[in-house]
Every structure is written in C-alpha cells, then in structure tokens.
Amino acid sequence: MPIYEYKCESCNEKFELLQGINEALECKRCGSKELTRLLSTPARPIMGGSSNPGDSGTCCGLTNPCSDPRSCCGA
C-alpha cells in the first residue's frame, strides 16, 4: 500500500496515510473528509554500494565526491 501525504482543509493539519484501495479518507485530528493530497519528494537513490552513512556522494570510498565515476574509480 502506498503512503500519501494529505492536508486537511478544515484544520490545516498535515499527515501521512498508508492508504488502502477502499479505505475512507478522513483527517486524523478533526475527522473532516475535506483533504488535499500533497506532492511528496521521492527518496533519492544512494550511489555506490557502501553501507557507511558517512560515505555519501562517492562511488568508491574516496573522501571527495565523484563528479565522474570513470575518472576516480578506474572504470
């Protein structure tokens, strides 16, 4: 089931909802059915295969970000 972000037009509450196909939509705060679905930013893919959270933006473990993986990784 997808997760959507909504804004209630009655109380201005913003919340996320794991939405099923036949699920009735209502505000978690006031119960209103006047909701607007908001656009959410998708998750950004992680480059490389490193599991080290401090190793962001590199492709081969170097300390500087790789602007062109072919130039720094020997590919």
PDB file of N, CA and C in Angstrom:
ATOM      1  N   MET A   1       0.836  -1.187   0.000  1.00  0.00           N
ATOM      2  CA  MET A   1       0.000   0.000   0.000  1.00  0.00           C
ATOM      3  C   MET A   1       0.878   1.246   0.000  1.00  0.00           C
ATOM      4  N   PRO A   2       0.541   2.225  -0.811  1.00  0.00           N
ATOM      5  CA  PRO A   2       1.340   3.449  -0.853  1.00  0.00           C
ATOM      6  C   PRO A   2       1.050   4.377   0.323  1.00  0.00           C
ATOM      7  N   ILE A   3       2.034   5.202   0.656  1.00  0.00           N
ATOM      8  CA  ILE A   3       1.876   6.222   1.688  1.00  0.00           C
ATOM      9  C   ILE A   3       1.710   7.561   0.985  1.00  0.00           C
ATOM     10  N   TYR A   4       0.646   8.277   1.335  1.00  0.00           N
ATOM     11  CA  TYR A   4       0.381   9.598   0.768  1.00  0.00           C
ATOM     12  C   TYR A   4       0.379  10.634   1.877  1.00  0.00           C
ATOM     13  N   GLU A   5       0.714  11.878   1.507  1.00  0.00           N
ATOM     14  CA  GLU A   5       0.682  12.985   2.452  1.00  0.00           C
ATOM     15  C   GLU A   5      -0.543  13.839   2.121  1.00  0.00           C
ATOM     16  N   TYR A   6      -1.304  14.204   3.156  1.00  0.00           N
ATOM     17  CA  TYR A   6      -2.529  14.975   2.986  1.00  0.00           C
ATOM     18  C   TYR A   6      -2.506  16.219   3.865  1.00  0.00           C
ATOM     19  N   LYS A   7      -3.309  17.207   3.443  1.00  0.00           N
ATOM     20  CA  LYS A   7      -3.550  18.396   4.252  1.00  0.00           C
ATOM     21  C   LYS A   7      -5.050  18.518   4.420  1.00  0.00           C
ATOM     22  N   CYS A   8      -5.507  18.691   5.664  1.00  0.00           N
ATOM     23  CA  CYS A   8      -6.920  18.871   5.949  1.00  0.00           C
ATOM     24  C   CYS A   8      -7.293  20.329   5.674  1.00  0.00           C
ATOM     25  N   GLU A   9      -8.336  20.545   4.894  1.00  0.00           N
ATOM     26  CA  GLU A   9      -8.778  21.895   4.566  1.00  0.00           C
ATOM     27  C   GLU A   9      -9.536  22.538   5.727  1.00  0.00           C
ATOM     28  N   SER A  10     -10.006  21.739   6.683  1.00  0.00           N
ATOM     29  CA  SER A  10     -10.752  22.285   7.820  1.00  0.00           C
ATOM     30  C   SER A  10      -9.841  22.789   8.935  1.00  0.00           C
ATOM     31  N   CYS A  11      -8.820  21.996   9.306  1.00  0.00           N
ATOM     32  CA  CYS A  11      -7.971  22.375  10.441  1.00  0.00           C
ATOM     33  C   CYS A  11      -6.509  22.604  10.060  1.00  0.00           C
ATOM     34  N   ASN A  12      -6.159  22.466   8.766  1.00  0.00           N
ATOM     35  CA  ASN A  12      -4.802  22.663   8.234  1.00  0.00           C
ATOM     36  C   ASN A  12      -3.772  21.659   8.750  1.00  0.00           C
ATOM     37  N   GLU A  13      -4.209  20.567   9.329  1.00  0.00           N
ATOM     38  CA  GLU A  13      -3.309  19.506   9.790  1.00  0.00           C
ATOM     39  C   GLU A  13      -2.706  18.798   8.574  1.00  0.00           C
ATOM     40  N   LYS A  14      -1.385  18.540   8.613  1.00  0.00           N
ATOM     41  CA  LYS A  14      -0.712  17.751   7.579  1.00  0.00           C
ATOM     42  C   LYS A  14      -0.353  16.407   8.188  1.00  0.00           C
ATOM     43  N   PHE A  15      -0.613  15.324   7.431  1.00  0.00           N
ATOM     44  CA  PHE A  15      -0.315  13.992   7.949  1.00  0.00           C
ATOM     45  C   PHE A  15      -0.106  13.026   6.793  1.00  0.00           C
ATOM     46  N   GLU A  16       0.559  11.913   7.097  1.00  0.00           N
ATOM     47  CA  GLU A  16       0.767  10.843   6.127  1.00  0.00           C
ATOM     48  C   GLU A  16      -0.221   9.735   6.410  1.00  0.00           C
ATOM     49  N   LEU A  17      -0.645   9.052   5.340  1.00  0.00           N
ATOM     50  CA  LEU A  17      -1.634   7.993   5.490  1.00  0.00           C
ATOM     51  C   LEU A  17      -1.248   6.823   4.605  1.00  0.00           C
ATOM     52  N   LEU A  18      -1.144   5.652   5.201  1.00  0.00           N
ATOM     53  CA  LEU A  18      -0.940   4.420   4.453  1.00  0.00           C
ATOM     54  C   LEU A  18      -2.311   4.050   3.917  1.00  0.00           C
ATOM     55  N   GLN A  19      -2.519   4.223   2.623  1.00  0.00           N
ATOM     56  CA  GLN A  19      -3.856   4.183   2.051  1.00  0.00           C
ATOM     57  C   GLN A  19      -4.124   2.891   1.303  1.00  0.00           C
ATOM     58  N   GLY A  20      -5.160   2.184   1.728  1.00  0.00           N
ATOM     59  CA  GLY A  20      -5.639   1.016   1.013  1.00  0.00           C
ATOM     60  C   GLY A  20      -6.582   1.431  -0.106  1.00  0.00           C
ATOM     61  N   ILE A  21      -6.964   0.498  -0.958  1.00  0.00           N
ATOM     62  CA  ILE A  21      -7.795   0.816  -2.125  1.00  0.00           C
ATOM     63  C   ILE A  21      -9.174   1.327  -1.711  1.00  0.00           C
ATOM     64  N   ASN A  22      -9.820   0.675  -0.788  1.00  0.00           N
ATOM     65  CA  ASN A  22     -11.186   1.040  -0.415  1.00  0.00           C
ATOM     66  C   ASN A  22     -11.266   1.769   0.921  1.00  0.00           C
ATOM     67  N   GLU A  23     -10.168   2.303   1.380  1.00  0.00           N
ATOM     68  CA  GLU A  23     -10.133   2.962   2.689  1.00  0.00           C
ATOM     69  C   GLU A  23     -10.746   4.357   2.614  1.00  0.00           C
ATOM     70  N   ALA A  24     -11.639   4.670   3.561  1.00  0.00           N
ATOM     71  CA  ALA A  24     -12.235   6.005   3.635  1.00  0.00           C
ATOM     72  C   ALA A  24     -11.189   6.979   4.169  1.00  0.00           C
ATOM     73  N   LEU A  25     -11.110   8.154   3.570  1.00  0.00           N
ATOM     74  CA  LEU A  25     -10.127   9.148   3.975  1.00  0.00           C
ATOM     75  C   LEU A  25     -10.770  10.170   4.886  1.00  0.00           C
ATOM     76  N   GLU A  26     -10.117  10.411   6.019  1.00  0.00           N
ATOM     77  CA  GLU A  26     -10.555  11.478   6.912  1.00  0.00           C
ATOM     78  C   GLU A  26      -9.380  11.958   7.742  1.00  0.00           C
ATOM     79  N   CYS A  27      -9.462  13.211   8.185  1.00  0.00           N
ATOM     80  CA  CYS A  27      -8.408  13.826   8.971  1.00  0.00           C
ATOM     81  C   CYS A  27      -8.260  13.097  10.303  1.00  0.00           C
ATOM     82  N   LYS A  28      -7.022  12.826  10.672  1.00  0.00           N
ATOM     83  CA  LYS A  28      -6.755  12.151  11.952  1.00  0.00           C
ATOM     84  C   LYS A  28      -7.063  13.056  13.135  1.00  0.00           C
ATOM     85  N   ARG A  29      -7.039  14.375  12.911  1.00  0.00           N
ATOM     86  CA  ARG A  29      -7.235  15.331  14.008  1.00  0.00           C
ATOM     87  C   ARG A  29      -8.705  15.699  14.217  1.00  0.00           C
ATOM     88  N   CYS A  30      -9.399  16.098  13.128  1.00  0.00           N
ATOM     89  CA  CYS A  30     -10.766  16.600  13.289  1.00  0.00           C
ATOM     90  C   CYS A  30     -11.830  15.724  12.639  1.00  0.00           C
ATOM     91  N   GLY A  31     -11.433  14.727  11.844  1.00  0.00           N
ATOM     92  CA  GLY A  31     -12.391  13.822  11.221  1.00  0.00           C
ATOM     93  C   GLY A  31     -12.983  14.328   9.908  1.00  0.00           C
ATOM     94  N   SER A  32     -12.541  15.487   9.434  1.00  0.00           N
ATOM     95  CA  SER A  32     -13.065  16.049   8.193  1.00  0.00           C
ATOM     96  C   SER A  32     -12.673  15.179   7.006  1.00  0.00           C
ATOM     97  N   LYS A  33     -13.521  15.166   5.999  1.00  0.00           N
ATOM     98  CA  LYS A  33     -13.228  14.432   4.765  1.00  0.00           C
ATOM     99  C   LYS A  33     -12.748  15.366   3.664  1.00  0.00           C
ATOM    100  N   GLU A  34     -12.570  16.648   3.982  1.00  0.00           N
ATOM    101  CA  GLU A  34     -12.083  17.636   3.015  1.00  0.00           C
ATOM    102  C   GLU A  34     -10.553  17.659   3.056  1.00  0.00           C
ATOM    103  N   LEU A  35      -9.940  16.770   2.285  1.00  0.00           N
ATOM    104  CA  LEU A  35      -8.489  16.609   2.277  1.00  0.00           C
ATOM    105  C   LEU A  35      -7.915  16.907   0.903  1.00  0.00           C
ATOM    106  N   THR A  36      -6.717  17.428   0.888  1.00  0.00           N
ATOM    107  CA  THR A  36      -5.971  17.649  -0.344  1.00  0.00           C
ATOM    108  C   THR A  36      -4.719  16.808  -0.283  1.00  0.00           C
ATOM    109  N   ARG A  37      -4.506  15.988  -1.323  1.00  0.00           N
ATOM    110  CA  ARG A  37      -3.286  15.176  -1.369  1.00  0.00           C
ATOM    111  C   ARG A  37      -2.133  16.064  -1.814  1.00  0.00           C
ATOM    112  N   LEU A  38      -1.038  16.031  -1.069  1.00  0.00           N
ATOM    113  CA  LEU A  38       0.130  16.853  -1.339  1.00  0.00           C
ATOM    114  C   LEU A  38       1.147  16.076  -2.158  1.00  0.00           C
ATOM    115  N   LEU A  39       1.969  16.795  -2.905  1.00  0.00           N
ATOM    116  CA  LEU A  39       3.057  16.162  -3.642  1.00  0.00           C
ATOM    117  C   LEU A  39       4.224  15.945  -2.695  1.00  0.00           C
ATOM    118  N   SER A  40       4.745  14.760  -2.678  1.00  0.00           N
ATOM    119  CA  SER A  40       5.873  14.424  -1.817  1.00  0.00           C
ATOM    120  C   SER A  40       7.109  14.209  -2.672  1.00  0.00           C
ATOM    121  N   THR A  41       8.269  14.497  -2.116  1.00  0.00           N
ATOM    122  CA  THR A  41       9.532  14.282  -2.792  1.00  0.00           C
ATOM    123  C   THR A  41       9.901  12.807  -2.684  1.00  0.00           C
ATOM    124  N   PRO A  42      10.202  12.159  -3.805  1.00  0.00           N
ATOM    125  CA  PRO A  42      10.594  10.746  -3.725  1.00  0.00           C
ATOM    126  C   PRO A  42      11.961  10.593  -3.074  1.00  0.00           C
ATOM    127  N   ALA A  43      12.220   9.407  -2.562  1.00  0.00           N
ATOM    128  CA  ALA A  43      13.511   9.111  -1.944  1.00  0.00           C
ATOM    129  C   ALA A  43      14.603   9.162  -3.003  1.00  0.00           C
ATOM    130  N   ARG A  44      15.783   9.651  -2.627  1.00  0.00           N
ATOM    131  CA  ARG A  44      16.921   9.755  -3.540  1.00  0.00           C
ATOM    132  C   ARG A  44      17.722   8.464  -3.495  1.00  0.00           C
ATOM    133  N   PRO A  45      18.051   7.887  -4.650  1.00  0.00           N
ATOM    134  CA  PRO A  45      18.858   6.665  -4.641  1.00  0.00           C
ATOM    135  C   PRO A  45      20.267   6.951  -4.116  1.00  0.00           C
ATOM    136  N   ILE A  46      20.868   5.960  -3.520  1.00  0.00           N
ATOM    137  CA  ILE A  46      22.214   6.077  -2.968  1.00  0.00           C
ATOM    138  C   ILE A  46      23.197   5.547  -4.000  1.00  0.00           C
ATOM    139  N   MET A  47      24.257   6.323  -4.290  1.00  0.00           N
ATOM    140  CA  MET A  47      25.276   5.884  -5.242  1.00  0.00           C
ATOM    141  C   MET A  47      26.222   4.888  -4.589  1.00  0.00           C
ATOM    142  N   GLY A  48      26.730   4.000  -5.352  1.00  0.00           N
ATOM    143  CA  GLY A  48      27.702   3.047  -4.852  1.00  0.00           C
ATOM    144  C   GLY A  48      27.052   1.975  -3.995  1.00  0.00           C
ATOM    145  N   GLY A  49      27.838   1.161  -3.370  1.00  0.00           N
ATOM    146  CA  GLY A  49      27.302   0.084  -2.566  1.00  0.00           C
ATOM    147  C   GLY A  49      27.744   0.167  -1.119  1.00  0.00           C
ATOM    148  N   SER A  50      28.230   1.311  -0.700  1.00  0.00           N
ATOM    149  CA  SER A  50      28.744   1.445   0.657  1.00  0.00           C
ATOM    150  C   SER A  50      27.625   1.474   1.677  1.00  0.00           C
ATOM    151  N   SER A  51      27.812   0.786   2.777  1.00  0.00           N
ATOM    152  CA  SER A  51      26.843   0.840   3.868  1.00  0.00           C
ATOM    153  C   SER A  51      27.267   1.847   4.928  1.00  0.00           C
ATOM    154  N   ASN A  52      28.355   2.575   4.668  1.00  0.00           N
ATOM    155  CA  ASN A  52      28.859   3.570   5.599  1.00  0.00           C
ATOM    156  C   ASN A  52      28.086   4.871   5.420  1.00  0.00           C
ATOM    157  N   PRO A  53      27.277   5.326   6.440  1.00  0.00           N
ATOM    158  CA  PRO A  53      26.484   6.527   6.280  1.00  0.00           C
ATOM    159  C   PRO A  53      27.313   7.787   6.065  1.00  0.00           C
ATOM    160  N   GLY A  54      28.584   7.790   6.487  1.00  0.00           N
ATOM    161  CA  GLY A  54      29.436   8.950   6.283  1.00  0.00           C
ATOM    162  C   GLY A  54      30.041   9.008   4.893  1.00  0.00           C
ATOM    163  N   ASP A  55      29.804   7.994   4.096  1.00  0.00           N
ATOM    164  CA  ASP A  55      30.389   7.890   2.764  1.00  0.00           C
ATOM    165  C   ASP A  55      29.368   8.283   1.700  1.00  0.00           C
ATOM    166  N   SER A  56      28.816   9.502   1.807  1.00  0.00           N
ATOM    167  CA  SER A  56      27.790   9.910   0.855  1.00  0.00           C
ATOM    168  C   SER A  56      28.417  10.649  -0.311  1.00  0.00           C
ATOM    169  N   GLY A  57      27.899  10.403  -1.500  1.00  0.00           N
ATOM    170  CA  GLY A  57      28.338  11.124  -2.678  1.00  0.00           C
ATOM    171  C   GLY A  57      29.579  10.574  -3.348  1.00  0.00           C
ATOM    172  N   THR A  58      30.123   9.474  -2.869  1.00  0.00           N
ATOM    173  CA  THR A  58      31.281   8.890  -3.531  1.00  0.00           C
ATOM    174  C   THR A  58      30.887   7.556  -4.122  1.00  0.00           C
ATOM    175  N   CYS A  59      31.666   7.106  -5.085  1.00  0.00           N
ATOM    176  CA  CYS A  59      31.335   5.836  -5.726  1.00  0.00           C
ATOM    177  C   CYS A  59      32.309   4.730  -5.354  1.00  0.00           C
ATOM    178  N   CYS A  60      33.461   5.094  -4.754  1.00  0.00           N
ATOM    179  CA  CYS A  60      34.453   4.054  -4.490  1.00  0.00           C
ATOM    180  C   CYS A  60      35.195   4.269  -3.165  1.00  0.00           C
ATOM    181  N   GLY A  61      34.576   4.990  -2.235  1.00  0.00           N
ATOM    182  CA  GLY A  61      35.170   5.154  -0.923  1.00  0.00           C
ATOM    183  C   GLY A  61      36.138   6.306  -0.779  1.00  0.00           C
ATOM    184  N   LEU A  62      36.303   7.137  -1.797  1.00  0.00           N
ATOM    185  CA  LEU A  62      37.181   8.288  -1.683  1.00  0.00           C
ATOM    186  C   LEU A  62      36.525   9.342  -0.797  1.00  0.00           C
ATOM    187  N   THR A  63      37.321  10.261  -0.279  1.00  0.00           N
ATOM    188  CA  THR A  63      36.762  11.288   0.607  1.00  0.00           C
ATOM    189  C   THR A  63      36.081  12.409  -0.157  1.00  0.00           C
ATOM    190  N   ASN A  64      36.441  12.633  -1.416  1.00  0.00           N
ATOM    191  CA  ASN A  64      35.814  13.678  -2.216  1.00  0.00           C
ATOM    192  C   ASN A  64      34.710  13.074  -3.078  1.00  0.00           C
ATOM    193  N   PRO A  65      33.605  13.814  -3.303  1.00  0.00           N
ATOM    194  CA  PRO A  65      32.552  13.305  -4.184  1.00  0.00           C
ATOM    195  C   PRO A  65      33.069  13.077  -5.596  1.00  0.00           C
ATOM    196  N   CYS A  66      32.540  12.087  -6.252  1.00  0.00           N
ATOM    197  CA  CYS A  66      32.945  11.763  -7.615  1.00  0.00           C
ATOM    198  C   CYS A  66      32.073  12.531  -8.596  1.00  0.00           C
ATOM    199  N   SER A  67      32.657  13.418  -9.399  1.00  0.00           N
ATOM    200  CA  SER A  67      31.893  14.111 -10.419  1.00  0.00           C
ATOM    201  C   SER A  67      31.743  13.219 -11.650  1.00  0.00           C
ATOM    202  N   ASP A  68      32.720  12.383 -11.877  1.00  0.00           N
ATOM    203  CA  ASP A  68      32.687  11.440 -12.996  1.00  0.00           C
ATOM    204  C   ASP A  68      33.283  10.122 -12.496  1.00  0.00           C
ATOM    205  N   PRO A  69      32.427   9.117 -12.211  1.00  0.00           N
ATOM    206  CA  PRO A  69      32.925   7.848 -11.652  1.00  0.00           C
ATOM    207  C   PRO A  69      34.041   7.211 -12.479  1.00  0.00           C
ATOM    208  N   ARG A  70      34.063   7.419 -13.788  1.00  0.00           N
ATOM    209  CA  ARG A  70      35.118   6.820 -14.617  1.00  0.00           C
ATOM    210  C   ARG A  70      36.477   7.396 -14.308  1.00  0.00           C
ATOM    211  N   SER A  71      36.530   8.651 -13.835  1.00  0.00           N
ATOM    212  CA  SER A  71      37.820   9.292 -13.581  1.00  0.00           C
ATOM    213  C   SER A  71      38.401   8.935 -12.221  1.00  0.00           C
ATOM    214  N   CYS A  72      37.597   8.576 -11.255  1.00  0.00           N
ATOM    215  CA  CYS A  72      38.130   8.323  -9.922  1.00  0.00           C
ATOM    216  C   CYS A  72      38.086   6.856  -9.505  1.00  0.00           C
ATOM    217  N   CYS A  73      37.335   6.052 -10.185  1.00  0.00           N
ATOM    218  CA  CYS A  73      37.195   4.645  -9.787  1.00  0.00           C
ATOM    219  C   CYS A  73      37.969   3.690 -10.677  1.00  0.00           C
ATOM    220  N   GLY A  74      38.619   4.215 -11.681  1.00  0.00           N
ATOM    221  CA  GLY A  74      39.390   3.367 -12.573  1.00  0.00           C
ATOM    222  C   GLY A  74      38.537   2.543 -13.515  1.00  0.00           C
ATOM    223  N   ALA A  75      37.287   2.940 -13.706  1.00  0.00           N
ATOM    224  CA  ALA A  75      36.389   2.191 -14.593  1.00  0.00           C
ATOM    225  C   ALA A  75      36.615   2.534 -16.037  1.00  0.00           C
TER     226      ALA A  75
END
